[in-house]
N, C-alpha and C. Protein backbone atom coordinates (compact mmCIF):
# COMPACT_ATOMS: atom_id res chain seq x y z
N UNK A 1 -5.22 -13.11 -9.92
CA UNK A 1 -3.99 -12.58 -10.28
C UNK A 1 -2.93 -13.67 -10.41
N UNK A 2 -2.79 -14.67 -9.69
CA UNK A 2 -1.84 -15.64 -9.74
C UNK A 2 -2.47 -16.97 -9.29
N UNK A 3 -1.86 -18.12 -9.90
CA UNK A 3 -2.25 -19.43 -9.41
C UNK A 3 -1.90 -19.67 -7.91
N UNK A 4 -1.07 -18.95 -7.46
CA UNK A 4 -0.67 -18.93 -6.12
C UNK A 4 -1.14 -17.80 -5.17
N UNK A 5 -2.54 -18.00 -5.05
CA UNK A 5 -3.27 -16.98 -4.27
C UNK A 5 -4.04 -17.51 -3.19
N UNK A 6 -3.94 -17.03 -1.99
CA UNK A 6 -4.66 -17.61 -0.83
C UNK A 6 -5.51 -16.49 -0.22
N UNK A 7 -6.71 -16.68 0.11
CA UNK A 7 -7.61 -15.92 0.89
C UNK A 7 -7.79 -16.56 2.19
N UNK A 8 -7.57 -15.65 3.34
CA UNK A 8 -7.70 -16.20 4.68
C UNK A 8 -8.20 -15.07 5.60
N UNK A 9 -8.57 -15.48 6.80
CA UNK A 9 -9.05 -14.56 7.73
C UNK A 9 -8.11 -14.60 8.94
N UNK A 10 -7.88 -13.44 9.47
CA UNK A 10 -6.97 -13.22 10.59
C UNK A 10 -7.63 -12.55 11.73
N UNK A 11 -7.53 -13.16 12.99
CA UNK A 11 -8.22 -12.50 14.07
C UNK A 11 -7.32 -11.24 14.50
N UNK A 12 -7.81 -10.24 14.23
CA UNK A 12 -7.17 -8.91 14.63
C UNK A 12 -7.60 -8.15 15.81
N UNK A 13 -7.09 -7.04 16.05
CA UNK A 13 -7.50 -6.19 17.05
C UNK A 13 -9.06 -5.80 17.21
N UNK A 14 -9.67 -5.71 16.15
CA UNK A 14 -11.22 -5.38 16.21
C UNK A 14 -11.95 -6.56 15.58
N UNK A 15 -11.36 -7.72 15.51
CA UNK A 15 -12.02 -8.89 14.99
C UNK A 15 -11.47 -9.39 13.69
N UNK A 16 -12.19 -10.33 12.99
CA UNK A 16 -11.61 -10.91 11.85
C UNK A 16 -11.20 -9.88 10.79
N UNK A 17 -10.09 -10.21 10.19
CA UNK A 17 -9.58 -9.40 9.03
C UNK A 17 -9.58 -10.19 7.72
N UNK A 18 -10.43 -9.83 6.78
CA UNK A 18 -10.40 -10.63 5.45
C UNK A 18 -9.20 -10.19 4.80
N UNK A 19 -8.46 -11.33 4.35
CA UNK A 19 -7.14 -11.15 3.82
C UNK A 19 -6.91 -11.84 2.62
N UNK A 20 -5.85 -11.48 1.73
CA UNK A 20 -5.59 -12.20 0.50
C UNK A 20 -4.00 -12.19 0.60
N UNK A 21 -3.37 -13.21 0.21
CA UNK A 21 -1.82 -13.22 -0.13
C UNK A 21 -1.55 -13.76 -1.41
N UNK A 22 -0.69 -13.00 -2.15
CA UNK A 22 -0.22 -13.61 -3.57
C UNK A 22 1.18 -13.69 -3.46
N UNK A 23 1.46 -14.95 -3.90
CA UNK A 23 2.85 -15.41 -3.91
C UNK A 23 3.48 -15.20 -5.31
N UNK A 24 4.75 -15.03 -5.44
CA UNK A 24 5.54 -15.13 -6.67
C UNK A 24 5.26 -16.51 -7.27
N UNK A 25 5.22 -16.54 -8.62
CA UNK A 25 4.96 -17.80 -9.22
C UNK A 25 6.02 -18.89 -8.98
N UNK A 26 7.30 -18.49 -8.79
CA UNK A 26 8.29 -19.36 -8.71
C UNK A 26 8.43 -20.01 -7.32
N UNK A 27 8.10 -21.25 -7.31
CA UNK A 27 8.16 -21.88 -5.98
C UNK A 27 7.43 -21.29 -4.78
N UNK A 28 6.32 -20.72 -4.93
CA UNK A 28 5.68 -19.92 -3.88
C UNK A 28 6.65 -19.02 -3.23
N UNK A 29 6.96 -19.17 -1.84
CA UNK A 29 7.69 -18.08 -1.28
C UNK A 29 9.06 -18.43 -1.15
N UNK A 30 9.49 -19.61 -1.63
CA UNK A 30 10.93 -20.03 -1.20
C UNK A 30 11.93 -19.10 -1.74
N UNK A 31 11.65 -18.45 -3.01
CA UNK A 31 12.65 -17.53 -3.57
C UNK A 31 12.15 -16.14 -3.47
N UNK A 32 11.21 -15.78 -2.52
CA UNK A 32 10.64 -14.38 -2.50
C UNK A 32 11.81 -13.30 -2.10
N UNK A 33 11.79 -12.22 -2.73
CA UNK A 33 12.60 -11.14 -2.48
C UNK A 33 12.26 -10.34 -1.24
N UNK A 34 10.89 -10.44 -0.93
CA UNK A 34 10.37 -9.55 0.20
C UNK A 34 8.99 -9.61 0.40
N UNK A 35 8.31 -8.90 1.18
CA UNK A 35 6.92 -8.95 1.52
C UNK A 35 6.53 -7.38 1.24
N UNK A 36 5.37 -7.45 0.56
CA UNK A 36 4.76 -5.96 0.23
C UNK A 36 3.23 -6.08 0.98
N UNK A 37 3.08 -5.04 1.87
CA UNK A 37 1.83 -4.72 2.41
C UNK A 37 1.13 -3.71 1.62
N UNK A 38 -0.07 -3.92 1.14
CA UNK A 38 -0.74 -2.96 0.28
C UNK A 38 -2.11 -2.57 0.89
N UNK A 39 -2.19 -1.38 1.02
CA UNK A 39 -3.36 -0.73 1.67
C UNK A 39 -4.35 -0.11 0.73
N UNK A 40 -5.74 -0.33 0.82
CA UNK A 40 -6.66 0.13 -0.07
C UNK A 40 -7.26 1.45 0.19
N UNK A 41 -8.03 2.15 -0.74
CA UNK A 41 -8.69 3.43 -0.48
C UNK A 41 -9.75 3.45 0.58
N UNK A 42 -10.41 4.53 0.64
CA UNK A 42 -11.28 4.85 1.90
C UNK A 42 -12.55 3.85 1.98
N UNK A 43 -12.62 3.16 3.08
CA UNK A 43 -13.64 2.24 3.23
C UNK A 43 -15.24 2.88 3.14
N UNK A 44 -15.26 4.08 3.48
CA UNK A 44 -16.62 4.77 3.50
C UNK A 44 -16.94 5.34 2.15
N UNK A 45 -16.17 5.08 1.15
CA UNK A 45 -16.41 5.46 -0.26
C UNK A 45 -16.16 4.45 -1.29
N UNK A 46 -16.40 3.05 -0.77
CA UNK A 46 -16.26 2.02 -1.53
C UNK A 46 -14.90 1.26 -1.80
N UNK A 47 -14.07 1.73 -0.86
CA UNK A 47 -12.75 1.09 -1.12
C UNK A 47 -12.58 -0.31 -0.43
N UNK A 48 -12.02 -1.07 -1.17
CA UNK A 48 -11.87 -2.54 -0.62
C UNK A 48 -10.40 -2.99 -1.21
N UNK A 49 -9.92 -4.08 -0.69
CA UNK A 49 -8.78 -4.69 -1.01
C UNK A 49 -8.58 -5.11 -2.43
N UNK A 50 -9.85 -5.21 -3.20
CA UNK A 50 -10.06 -5.58 -4.60
C UNK A 50 -10.06 -4.35 -5.35
N UNK A 51 -9.91 -3.29 -4.81
CA UNK A 51 -9.78 -1.94 -5.56
C UNK A 51 -8.82 -2.10 -6.74
N UNK A 52 -8.88 -1.68 -8.04
CA UNK A 52 -8.10 -1.86 -9.19
C UNK A 52 -6.72 -1.39 -8.93
N UNK A 53 -6.45 -0.28 -8.28
CA UNK A 53 -5.15 0.36 -8.10
C UNK A 53 -4.46 -0.45 -6.94
N UNK A 54 -5.19 -0.94 -5.96
CA UNK A 54 -4.51 -1.83 -4.86
C UNK A 54 -4.23 -2.99 -5.59
N UNK A 55 -4.97 -3.70 -6.34
CA UNK A 55 -4.84 -4.87 -7.07
C UNK A 55 -3.56 -4.67 -8.02
N UNK A 56 -3.47 -3.62 -8.75
CA UNK A 56 -2.36 -3.40 -9.63
C UNK A 56 -1.11 -3.35 -8.79
N UNK A 57 -1.09 -2.68 -7.70
CA UNK A 57 0.17 -2.60 -6.90
C UNK A 57 0.57 -4.01 -6.38
N UNK A 58 -0.44 -4.77 -5.85
CA UNK A 58 -0.12 -6.12 -5.51
C UNK A 58 0.43 -6.90 -6.79
N UNK A 59 -0.18 -6.80 -7.91
CA UNK A 59 0.35 -7.47 -9.18
C UNK A 59 1.83 -7.13 -9.44
N UNK A 60 1.98 -5.79 -9.22
CA UNK A 60 3.43 -5.26 -9.56
C UNK A 60 4.48 -5.95 -8.71
N UNK A 61 4.16 -6.00 -7.37
CA UNK A 61 5.05 -6.59 -6.38
C UNK A 61 5.27 -8.01 -6.63
N UNK A 62 4.18 -8.81 -6.90
CA UNK A 62 4.33 -10.16 -7.29
C UNK A 62 5.33 -10.42 -8.39
N UNK A 63 5.14 -9.47 -9.45
CA UNK A 63 6.17 -9.54 -10.65
C UNK A 63 7.52 -9.14 -10.14
N UNK A 64 7.78 -8.35 -9.11
CA UNK A 64 9.04 -8.13 -8.59
C UNK A 64 9.59 -9.30 -7.76
N UNK A 65 8.88 -10.28 -7.46
CA UNK A 65 9.29 -11.42 -6.76
C UNK A 65 8.96 -11.28 -5.18
N UNK A 66 7.93 -10.40 -4.93
CA UNK A 66 7.55 -10.13 -3.61
C UNK A 66 6.21 -11.00 -3.19
N UNK A 67 6.05 -11.25 -1.92
CA UNK A 67 4.78 -11.85 -1.48
C UNK A 67 3.96 -10.65 -1.13
N UNK A 68 2.80 -10.56 -1.70
CA UNK A 68 1.96 -9.40 -1.62
C UNK A 68 0.83 -9.64 -0.74
N UNK A 69 0.65 -8.74 0.25
CA UNK A 69 -0.53 -9.05 1.23
C UNK A 69 -1.48 -7.80 1.14
N UNK A 70 -2.80 -8.03 1.09
CA UNK A 70 -3.75 -7.08 1.25
C UNK A 70 -4.85 -7.62 2.29
N UNK A 71 -5.54 -6.71 2.83
CA UNK A 71 -6.65 -6.97 3.63
C UNK A 71 -7.72 -5.87 3.75
N UNK A 72 -9.00 -6.32 3.85
CA UNK A 72 -10.03 -5.34 4.00
C UNK A 72 -9.99 -4.57 5.32
N UNK A 73 -10.02 -3.30 5.40
CA UNK A 73 -10.05 -2.45 6.47
C UNK A 73 -11.37 -2.82 7.25
N UNK A 74 -11.39 -2.29 8.62
CA UNK A 74 -12.59 -2.60 9.44
C UNK A 74 -13.80 -2.15 8.88
N UNK A 75 -14.90 -3.08 8.92
CA UNK A 75 -16.06 -2.83 8.48
C UNK A 75 -16.24 -3.07 6.81
N UNK A 76 -15.29 -3.43 6.26
CA UNK A 76 -15.21 -3.77 4.86
C UNK A 76 -15.38 -5.21 4.53
N UNK A 77 -16.25 -5.64 3.59
CA UNK A 77 -16.53 -7.06 3.17
C UNK A 77 -16.65 -7.79 4.47
N UNK A 78 -15.83 -8.91 4.67
CA UNK A 78 -16.06 -9.81 5.75
C UNK A 78 -15.13 -9.37 6.88
N UNK A 79 -14.39 -8.21 6.87
CA UNK A 79 -13.62 -7.81 8.00
C UNK A 79 -14.53 -7.11 9.12
N UNK A 80 -14.21 -7.44 10.32
CA UNK A 80 -15.14 -6.87 11.48
C UNK A 80 -14.71 -5.60 11.85
N UNK A 81 -15.51 -5.11 12.72
CA UNK A 81 -15.01 -3.70 13.38
C UNK A 81 -15.68 -2.59 12.67
N UNK A 82 -15.36 -1.34 13.08
CA UNK A 82 -16.03 -0.15 12.44
C UNK A 82 -14.76 0.91 12.15
N UNK A 83 -15.11 1.42 11.01
CA UNK A 83 -14.15 2.40 10.52
C UNK A 83 -13.56 3.48 11.59
N UNK A 84 -12.29 3.54 11.74
CA UNK A 84 -11.54 4.36 12.74
C UNK A 84 -10.77 5.36 12.30
N UNK A 85 -11.10 6.01 11.11
CA UNK A 85 -10.43 7.17 10.67
C UNK A 85 -9.01 7.11 10.55
N UNK A 86 -8.44 5.82 10.20
CA UNK A 86 -7.07 5.58 10.05
C UNK A 86 -6.28 5.07 11.25
N UNK A 87 -6.74 5.43 12.50
CA UNK A 87 -6.11 4.92 13.64
C UNK A 87 -6.06 3.49 13.81
N UNK A 88 -7.06 2.89 13.95
CA UNK A 88 -7.42 1.38 13.98
C UNK A 88 -6.90 0.76 12.97
N UNK A 89 -7.04 1.31 11.80
CA UNK A 89 -6.46 0.78 10.60
C UNK A 89 -4.92 0.65 10.45
N UNK A 90 -4.29 1.65 11.02
CA UNK A 90 -2.80 1.40 11.20
C UNK A 90 -2.47 0.49 12.27
N UNK A 91 -3.31 0.38 13.26
CA UNK A 91 -2.99 -0.77 14.34
C UNK A 91 -3.16 -2.11 13.62
N UNK A 92 -4.18 -2.11 12.74
CA UNK A 92 -4.50 -3.51 11.90
C UNK A 92 -3.31 -3.68 11.02
N UNK A 93 -2.74 -2.73 10.32
CA UNK A 93 -1.57 -2.97 9.50
C UNK A 93 -0.19 -3.52 10.46
N UNK A 94 -0.19 -2.93 11.48
CA UNK A 94 0.80 -3.37 12.49
C UNK A 94 0.74 -4.83 12.87
N UNK A 95 -0.58 -5.20 13.01
CA UNK A 95 -0.83 -6.61 13.31
C UNK A 95 -0.68 -7.54 12.25
N UNK A 96 -0.97 -7.20 11.08
CA UNK A 96 -0.72 -7.96 9.85
C UNK A 96 0.83 -7.99 9.64
N UNK A 97 1.55 -6.96 9.87
CA UNK A 97 3.04 -7.00 9.75
C UNK A 97 3.53 -8.02 10.70
N UNK A 98 3.14 -7.96 11.89
CA UNK A 98 3.62 -8.89 12.87
C UNK A 98 3.32 -10.41 12.39
N UNK A 99 2.23 -10.65 11.98
CA UNK A 99 1.71 -11.85 11.63
C UNK A 99 2.64 -12.46 10.49
N UNK A 100 2.77 -11.60 9.40
CA UNK A 100 3.38 -12.11 8.24
C UNK A 100 4.84 -12.06 8.29
N UNK A 101 5.53 -11.24 9.08
CA UNK A 101 6.91 -11.33 9.38
C UNK A 101 7.27 -12.43 10.18
N UNK A 102 6.37 -13.00 11.10
CA UNK A 102 6.67 -14.19 11.84
C UNK A 102 6.42 -15.32 11.02
N UNK A 103 5.60 -15.38 9.98
CA UNK A 103 5.28 -16.46 9.17
C UNK A 103 6.35 -16.65 8.19
N UNK A 104 6.93 -15.44 7.62
CA UNK A 104 8.10 -15.38 6.65
C UNK A 104 9.23 -14.55 7.18
N UNK A 105 9.97 -15.01 8.24
CA UNK A 105 10.87 -14.10 8.85
C UNK A 105 12.20 -13.94 7.88
N UNK A 106 12.66 -12.81 8.19
CA UNK A 106 13.92 -12.40 7.52
C UNK A 106 13.80 -11.61 6.13
N UNK A 107 12.57 -11.47 5.76
CA UNK A 107 12.31 -10.76 4.55
C UNK A 107 12.19 -9.30 4.58
N UNK A 108 12.87 -8.42 3.82
CA UNK A 108 12.41 -6.92 3.95
C UNK A 108 10.86 -6.74 3.63
N UNK A 109 10.43 -5.71 4.13
CA UNK A 109 8.93 -5.46 3.98
C UNK A 109 8.78 -3.91 3.39
N UNK A 110 8.07 -4.05 2.19
CA UNK A 110 7.74 -2.78 1.61
C UNK A 110 6.38 -2.46 1.90
N UNK A 111 6.00 -1.17 1.86
CA UNK A 111 4.69 -0.61 2.06
C UNK A 111 4.18 0.09 0.81
N UNK A 112 2.93 -0.17 0.42
CA UNK A 112 2.20 0.45 -0.65
C UNK A 112 0.81 0.73 -0.26
N UNK A 113 0.48 1.86 -0.80
CA UNK A 113 -0.87 2.18 -0.58
C UNK A 113 -1.52 3.13 -1.52
N UNK A 114 -2.86 3.22 -1.76
CA UNK A 114 -3.61 4.05 -2.70
C UNK A 114 -4.57 5.07 -1.99
N UNK A 115 -4.45 6.27 -2.04
CA UNK A 115 -5.52 7.11 -1.72
C UNK A 115 -5.52 7.00 -0.03
N UNK A 116 -6.60 6.83 0.61
CA UNK A 116 -6.45 6.69 2.05
C UNK A 116 -5.51 5.72 2.51
N UNK A 117 -5.26 4.67 1.75
CA UNK A 117 -4.24 3.73 2.13
C UNK A 117 -2.86 4.33 2.28
N UNK A 118 -2.60 5.49 1.57
CA UNK A 118 -1.36 6.14 1.71
C UNK A 118 -1.25 6.79 3.08
N UNK A 119 -2.29 7.18 3.64
CA UNK A 119 -2.27 7.73 4.90
C UNK A 119 -2.03 6.78 6.00
N UNK A 120 -2.53 5.60 5.86
CA UNK A 120 -2.40 4.41 6.75
C UNK A 120 -0.88 4.01 6.66
N UNK A 121 -0.36 3.96 5.56
CA UNK A 121 1.08 3.45 5.38
C UNK A 121 1.85 4.49 5.81
N UNK A 122 1.82 5.71 5.45
CA UNK A 122 2.71 6.76 6.11
C UNK A 122 2.85 6.80 7.63
N UNK A 123 1.70 6.44 8.21
CA UNK A 123 1.73 6.44 9.60
C UNK A 123 2.39 5.21 10.17
N UNK A 124 2.17 4.21 9.47
CA UNK A 124 2.75 2.93 9.94
C UNK A 124 4.24 2.94 9.69
N UNK A 125 4.71 3.52 8.61
CA UNK A 125 6.10 3.61 8.20
C UNK A 125 6.79 4.46 9.35
N UNK A 126 6.18 5.45 9.86
CA UNK A 126 6.66 6.28 10.91
C UNK A 126 6.89 5.34 12.17
N UNK A 127 5.94 4.45 12.51
CA UNK A 127 6.08 3.59 13.61
C UNK A 127 7.23 2.61 13.42
N UNK A 128 7.35 2.17 12.19
CA UNK A 128 8.44 1.19 12.03
C UNK A 128 9.77 1.85 12.16
N UNK A 129 9.87 2.94 11.74
CA UNK A 129 11.11 3.75 11.74
C UNK A 129 11.51 3.98 13.24
N UNK A 130 10.45 4.48 13.99
CA UNK A 130 10.72 4.76 15.35
C UNK A 130 11.11 3.40 16.21
N UNK A 131 10.60 2.32 15.77
CA UNK A 131 11.02 1.06 16.35
C UNK A 131 12.35 0.57 15.86
N UNK A 132 13.02 1.19 15.00
CA UNK A 132 14.37 0.80 14.39
C UNK A 132 14.21 -0.39 13.46
N UNK A 133 13.11 -0.59 12.90
CA UNK A 133 12.82 -1.57 11.92
C UNK A 133 12.18 -0.89 10.65
N UNK A 134 12.76 0.10 9.94
CA UNK A 134 12.13 0.68 8.78
C UNK A 134 11.82 -0.14 7.72
N UNK A 135 10.58 0.31 7.02
CA UNK A 135 10.41 -0.34 5.80
C UNK A 135 11.37 -0.33 4.81
N UNK A 136 11.28 -1.28 3.89
CA UNK A 136 12.38 -1.24 2.73
C UNK A 136 12.19 -0.04 1.94
N UNK A 137 10.92 0.23 1.62
CA UNK A 137 10.62 1.43 0.69
C UNK A 137 9.02 1.54 0.65
N UNK A 138 8.59 2.73 0.39
CA UNK A 138 7.21 3.10 0.31
C UNK A 138 6.88 3.47 -1.17
N UNK A 139 5.57 2.89 -1.59
CA UNK A 139 4.93 3.36 -2.87
C UNK A 139 3.59 4.09 -2.55
N UNK A 140 3.57 5.28 -2.78
CA UNK A 140 2.28 5.97 -2.50
C UNK A 140 1.57 6.44 -3.73
N UNK A 141 0.39 5.97 -4.02
CA UNK A 141 -0.24 6.33 -5.22
C UNK A 141 -1.59 7.27 -4.86
N UNK A 142 -1.66 8.38 -5.44
CA UNK A 142 -2.88 9.11 -5.11
C UNK A 142 -2.85 9.58 -3.59
N UNK A 143 -1.62 10.03 -3.13
CA UNK A 143 -1.42 10.32 -1.73
C UNK A 143 -2.48 11.38 -1.30
N UNK A 144 -2.99 10.96 0.11
CA UNK A 144 -4.04 11.66 0.55
C UNK A 144 -3.79 13.05 1.28
N UNK A 145 -2.77 13.64 0.69
CA UNK A 145 -2.35 15.02 1.23
C UNK A 145 -3.47 16.01 1.03
N UNK A 146 -3.68 16.75 2.20
CA UNK A 146 -4.68 17.64 2.14
C UNK A 146 -6.04 17.39 2.79
N UNK A 147 -6.21 15.95 2.65
CA UNK A 147 -7.40 15.29 3.18
C UNK A 147 -7.14 14.53 4.58
N UNK A 148 -5.98 14.17 4.72
CA UNK A 148 -5.49 13.49 5.94
C UNK A 148 -4.15 13.94 6.36
N UNK A 149 -3.82 13.78 7.77
CA UNK A 149 -2.58 14.44 8.18
C UNK A 149 -1.37 13.54 7.69
N UNK A 150 -1.02 13.61 6.48
CA UNK A 150 0.11 12.85 6.04
C UNK A 150 1.37 13.27 6.55
N UNK A 151 2.18 12.37 7.23
CA UNK A 151 3.39 12.65 7.94
C UNK A 151 4.44 12.59 6.79
N UNK A 152 5.64 12.98 7.17
CA UNK A 152 6.82 12.85 6.27
C UNK A 152 7.24 11.49 5.96
N UNK A 153 7.70 11.20 4.85
CA UNK A 153 7.96 9.95 4.47
C UNK A 153 9.50 9.92 4.06
N UNK A 154 10.08 8.72 3.85
CA UNK A 154 11.55 8.51 3.60
C UNK A 154 11.75 9.21 1.98
N UNK A 155 13.05 9.53 1.90
CA UNK A 155 13.35 10.45 0.69
C UNK A 155 13.31 9.53 -0.59
N UNK A 156 13.32 8.10 -0.33
CA UNK A 156 13.31 7.25 -1.66
C UNK A 156 11.92 6.76 -1.96
N UNK A 157 10.89 7.35 -1.28
CA UNK A 157 9.47 6.99 -1.49
C UNK A 157 9.10 7.31 -2.96
N UNK A 158 8.45 6.32 -3.61
CA UNK A 158 7.89 6.51 -4.90
C UNK A 158 6.46 7.12 -4.86
N UNK A 159 6.24 8.27 -5.35
CA UNK A 159 5.14 9.01 -5.14
C UNK A 159 4.55 9.29 -6.54
N UNK A 160 3.33 8.69 -6.89
CA UNK A 160 2.80 8.76 -8.16
C UNK A 160 1.35 9.34 -8.04
N UNK A 161 1.14 10.41 -8.83
CA UNK A 161 -0.25 11.08 -8.80
C UNK A 161 -0.72 11.42 -10.20
N UNK A 162 -2.08 11.36 -10.37
CA UNK A 162 -2.60 11.70 -11.57
C UNK A 162 -2.78 13.23 -11.74
N UNK A 163 -2.50 13.68 -13.01
CA UNK A 163 -2.64 15.03 -13.40
C UNK A 163 -3.99 15.66 -13.20
N UNK A 164 -5.13 14.99 -13.52
CA UNK A 164 -6.46 15.47 -13.37
C UNK A 164 -7.24 14.86 -12.24
N UNK A 165 -6.50 14.50 -11.20
CA UNK A 165 -7.09 14.08 -9.96
C UNK A 165 -7.95 15.12 -9.33
N UNK A 166 -9.31 14.85 -9.20
CA UNK A 166 -10.18 16.00 -8.68
C UNK A 166 -10.63 15.46 -7.23
N UNK A 167 -10.17 14.41 -6.73
CA UNK A 167 -10.50 13.95 -5.38
C UNK A 167 -9.50 14.41 -4.57
N UNK A 168 -7.93 14.28 -4.90
CA UNK A 168 -7.04 14.80 -4.31
C UNK A 168 -6.14 15.62 -5.17
N UNK A 169 -6.39 16.95 -5.22
CA UNK A 169 -5.71 17.83 -6.14
C UNK A 169 -4.23 17.60 -6.27
N UNK A 170 -3.59 17.68 -7.31
CA UNK A 170 -2.24 17.56 -7.65
C UNK A 170 -1.54 18.59 -6.72
N UNK A 171 -2.00 19.84 -6.77
CA UNK A 171 -1.33 20.84 -6.06
C UNK A 171 -1.14 20.55 -4.60
N UNK A 172 -2.14 19.88 -3.82
CA UNK A 172 -2.02 19.58 -2.58
C UNK A 172 -0.94 18.49 -2.24
N UNK A 173 -0.72 17.70 -3.13
CA UNK A 173 0.33 16.71 -3.02
C UNK A 173 1.68 17.34 -3.31
N UNK A 174 1.82 18.29 -4.04
CA UNK A 174 3.05 19.04 -4.21
C UNK A 174 3.35 19.95 -3.10
N UNK A 175 2.36 20.42 -2.66
CA UNK A 175 2.56 21.31 -1.40
C UNK A 175 3.00 20.47 -0.20
N UNK A 176 2.57 19.22 -0.09
CA UNK A 176 2.96 18.29 0.89
C UNK A 176 4.44 17.89 0.70
N UNK A 177 4.64 17.59 -0.59
CA UNK A 177 6.01 17.02 -0.97
C UNK A 177 7.09 17.89 -0.87
N UNK A 178 6.66 19.34 -1.18
CA UNK A 178 7.89 20.28 -1.37
C UNK A 178 8.73 20.53 -0.28
N UNK A 179 8.24 20.49 1.08
CA UNK A 179 9.24 20.71 2.18
C UNK A 179 9.99 19.48 2.35
N UNK A 180 9.71 18.37 1.91
CA UNK A 180 10.36 17.17 1.99
C UNK A 180 11.41 16.91 0.76
N UNK A 181 11.44 17.90 -0.05
CA UNK A 181 12.15 17.80 -1.44
C UNK A 181 11.84 16.48 -1.98
N UNK A 182 10.53 15.97 -2.12
CA UNK A 182 10.26 14.74 -2.56
C UNK A 182 9.69 14.77 -3.89
N UNK A 183 10.34 14.02 -4.88
CA UNK A 183 9.70 14.21 -6.15
C UNK A 183 8.33 13.64 -6.33
N UNK A 184 7.51 14.19 -7.28
CA UNK A 184 6.20 13.71 -7.49
C UNK A 184 6.21 13.27 -8.95
N UNK A 185 5.81 11.99 -9.23
CA UNK A 185 5.81 11.45 -10.56
C UNK A 185 4.26 11.83 -11.00
N UNK A 186 4.11 12.53 -12.14
CA UNK A 186 2.71 12.95 -12.43
C UNK A 186 2.37 12.15 -13.79
N UNK A 187 1.31 11.54 -13.77
CA UNK A 187 0.85 10.80 -14.97
C UNK A 187 -0.13 11.68 -15.73
N UNK A 188 0.24 12.19 -16.88
CA UNK A 188 -0.57 13.14 -17.61
C UNK A 188 -1.95 12.44 -18.09
N UNK A 189 -3.05 13.17 -17.69
CA UNK A 189 -4.36 12.77 -18.17
C UNK A 189 -4.90 11.75 -17.12
N UNK A 190 -4.30 11.32 -16.07
CA UNK A 190 -4.78 10.30 -15.22
C UNK A 190 -5.67 11.01 -14.13
N UNK A 191 -6.84 10.40 -13.84
CA UNK A 191 -7.66 10.72 -12.85
C UNK A 191 -7.35 10.07 -11.55
N UNK A 192 -8.12 10.23 -10.41
CA UNK A 192 -7.82 9.63 -9.19
C UNK A 192 -7.66 8.24 -9.31
N UNK A 193 -8.58 7.46 -10.05
CA UNK A 193 -8.55 6.13 -10.17
C UNK A 193 -7.75 5.68 -11.27
N UNK A 194 -6.90 6.32 -11.88
CA UNK A 194 -6.03 5.96 -13.04
C UNK A 194 -6.68 5.11 -14.07
N UNK A 195 -7.86 5.59 -14.36
CA UNK A 195 -8.54 4.88 -15.47
C UNK A 195 -7.86 4.84 -16.66
N UNK A 196 -7.59 3.57 -17.18
CA UNK A 196 -6.68 3.30 -18.44
C UNK A 196 -5.37 3.74 -18.37
N UNK A 197 -4.93 3.85 -17.01
CA UNK A 197 -3.49 4.32 -16.78
C UNK A 197 -2.71 3.41 -15.81
N UNK A 198 -3.38 2.31 -15.28
CA UNK A 198 -2.89 1.43 -14.48
C UNK A 198 -1.57 0.92 -14.79
N UNK A 199 -1.28 0.64 -16.15
CA UNK A 199 -0.10 0.10 -16.72
C UNK A 199 1.14 0.99 -16.32
N UNK A 200 0.80 2.35 -16.24
CA UNK A 200 2.06 3.24 -15.95
C UNK A 200 2.55 3.02 -14.56
N UNK A 201 1.51 2.61 -13.57
CA UNK A 201 1.88 2.36 -12.15
C UNK A 201 2.82 1.30 -12.17
N UNK A 202 2.47 0.21 -12.92
CA UNK A 202 3.41 -1.06 -12.80
C UNK A 202 4.72 -0.78 -13.48
N UNK A 203 4.69 -0.06 -14.58
CA UNK A 203 5.99 0.22 -15.32
C UNK A 203 6.88 1.00 -14.45
N UNK A 204 6.34 2.08 -13.76
CA UNK A 204 7.15 3.07 -13.05
C UNK A 204 7.71 2.36 -11.79
N UNK A 205 6.93 1.59 -11.03
CA UNK A 205 7.42 0.94 -9.91
C UNK A 205 8.33 -0.11 -10.11
N UNK A 206 8.17 -0.73 -11.26
CA UNK A 206 9.06 -1.90 -11.61
C UNK A 206 10.49 -1.24 -11.98
N UNK A 207 10.44 -0.26 -12.77
CA UNK A 207 11.63 0.51 -13.32
C UNK A 207 12.55 1.11 -12.10
N UNK A 208 11.86 1.50 -11.15
CA UNK A 208 12.50 2.31 -10.18
C UNK A 208 12.83 1.44 -8.85
N UNK A 209 12.36 0.37 -8.70
CA UNK A 209 12.71 -0.61 -7.65
C UNK A 209 14.09 -1.00 -7.57
N UNK A 210 14.56 -1.15 -6.41
CA UNK A 210 16.00 -1.58 -6.16
C UNK A 210 16.16 -3.08 -6.66
N UNK A 211 17.14 -3.26 -7.40
CA UNK A 211 17.58 -4.50 -7.73
C UNK A 211 19.02 -4.96 -7.12
N UNK A 212 19.08 -5.57 -5.96
CA UNK A 212 20.26 -5.86 -5.24
C UNK A 212 20.85 -7.17 -5.83
């Protein structure tokens, strides 16, 4: 994705976490606007940190000037441990957050996720808010409403879904978003994996992101 990409292994709560960090092209992290933690889809159905939607989210944040961080959940690729239905994965996200914010202190942290990754990020965002250190903003693509116990998310969350998603039906996402008065951006003709529609994700997030 970028000439400034590093793959590394981090010793996490359940063992090594296979990870990748992408820096903005300009002077690595010296001028970074923030950090973006990106969560991938379900590990038991082929989800990895190299999933094309997760990759597109990371690429989008790098374009916005962020340090983008992804890692394989437990049992995926070279990451150790066993799938833990989102609980241990949320712990691992918290561990990565602590690691990356200590390495690059003072930067705001955005959370992004796709499918199962949206469940992890919604849970983690709740933890951060309870600790008094809320995430800068969330981007949830193909939110796992109806399949996982998605908690409420902040009002400025960017929520993107495919019109023809047959893995997580659009109606389930709308039913979850309605009580929160949370807008849902629908991509016409897009399936769950946004085949030939990835450019819309990048365009929408880039246009809607805060420019301080």
